[in-house]
């Protein structure tokens, strides 16, 4: 039997992971906070999928090399900690 994953728990776990890393992920945590803020401002539900889409949009619109590195790292962490969709 397949275990059902609570999406709210997945996002809470993701946020907790970023914040629990302390100084190691300071820039990535700031990016995640900004992305979550933008999702809320846009009136959308904060989900792993929404976070991924917003991070990808940021990657596509940024030319700053340092910011690109931070965004890529944040994206890798989110992808690695996001449960697979069955759809």
Protein backbone atom coordinates (compact mmCIF):
# COMPACT_ATOMS: atom_id res chain seq x y z
CA UNK A 1 0.00 0.00 0.00
CA UNK A 2 1.34 3.40 -0.98
CA UNK A 3 1.81 5.97 1.77
CA UNK A 4 -0.01 9.22 1.13
CA UNK A 5 2.07 12.36 1.68
CA UNK A 6 0.50 15.39 3.25
CA UNK A 7 1.52 18.35 1.02
CA UNK A 8 1.43 20.78 3.92
CA UNK A 9 3.91 18.59 5.79
CA UNK A 10 6.17 18.41 2.74
CA UNK A 11 6.37 22.20 2.46
CA UNK A 12 6.80 22.62 6.21
CA UNK A 13 9.59 20.04 6.14
CA UNK A 14 11.24 21.86 3.25
CA UNK A 15 11.12 25.22 5.03
CA UNK A 16 12.39 23.65 8.24
CA UNK A 17 15.31 22.06 6.36
CA UNK A 18 16.43 25.39 4.93
CA UNK A 19 16.14 27.21 8.25
CA UNK A 20 17.76 24.47 10.31
CA UNK A 21 20.99 24.61 8.30
CA UNK A 22 21.95 27.91 9.90
CA UNK A 23 24.68 29.91 8.17
CA UNK A 24 25.32 27.15 5.64
CA UNK A 25 22.17 28.00 3.64
CA UNK A 26 21.66 31.66 4.56
CA UNK A 27 21.45 32.87 0.94
CA UNK A 28 19.27 29.95 -0.13
CA UNK A 29 16.93 30.50 2.83
CA UNK A 30 16.58 34.16 1.86
CA UNK A 31 15.73 33.10 -1.71
CA UNK A 32 13.18 30.57 -0.44
CA UNK A 33 11.59 33.19 1.83
CA UNK A 34 11.39 35.61 -1.09
CA UNK A 35 9.84 33.00 -3.37
CA UNK A 36 7.26 32.05 -0.74
CA UNK A 37 6.44 35.73 -0.21
CA UNK A 38 5.95 36.18 -3.98
CA UNK A 39 3.69 33.12 -4.17
CA UNK A 40 1.52 34.46 -1.34
CA UNK A 41 1.43 37.96 -2.85
CA UNK A 42 0.29 36.42 -6.14
CA UNK A 43 -2.57 34.77 -4.22
CA UNK A 44 -1.41 31.23 -4.89
CA UNK A 45 -1.08 28.26 -2.58
CA UNK A 46 2.46 27.58 -1.36
CA UNK A 47 3.28 24.11 -2.65
CA UNK A 48 6.51 22.40 -3.61
CA UNK A 49 5.46 22.67 -7.26
CA UNK A 50 4.83 26.42 -6.93
CA UNK A 51 8.19 26.89 -5.23
CA UNK A 52 9.92 24.98 -8.04
CA UNK A 53 8.17 27.03 -10.74
CA UNK A 54 9.04 30.33 -9.07
CA UNK A 55 12.68 29.29 -8.61
CA UNK A 56 12.89 28.30 -12.29
CA UNK A 57 11.36 31.65 -13.30
CA UNK A 58 13.96 33.45 -11.18
CA UNK A 59 16.73 31.42 -12.82
CA UNK A 60 15.47 32.36 -16.26
CA UNK A 61 15.33 36.07 -15.48
CA UNK A 62 18.62 36.48 -13.61
CA UNK A 63 22.02 37.22 -15.10
CA UNK A 64 23.91 37.74 -11.83
CA UNK A 65 26.33 34.81 -11.57
CA UNK A 66 26.29 34.68 -7.76
CA UNK A 67 22.49 34.80 -7.60
CA UNK A 68 22.28 32.09 -10.28
CA UNK A 69 24.47 29.85 -8.13
CA UNK A 70 22.28 30.42 -5.07
CA UNK A 71 19.11 29.81 -7.08
CA UNK A 72 20.51 26.59 -8.57
CA UNK A 73 21.50 25.33 -5.15
CA UNK A 74 18.08 26.18 -3.70
CA UNK A 75 16.40 24.45 -6.65
CA UNK A 76 18.52 21.32 -6.18
CA UNK A 77 17.59 21.17 -2.50
CA UNK A 78 13.88 21.63 -3.23
CA UNK A 79 13.93 18.97 -5.95
CA UNK A 80 15.81 16.57 -3.69
CA UNK A 81 13.39 17.04 -0.80
CA UNK A 82 10.13 17.10 -2.80
CA UNK A 83 8.15 13.86 -2.95
CA UNK A 84 7.41 12.55 -6.43
CA UNK A 85 3.94 13.18 -7.89
CA UNK A 86 1.94 10.16 -8.86
CA UNK A 87 0.18 12.08 -11.60
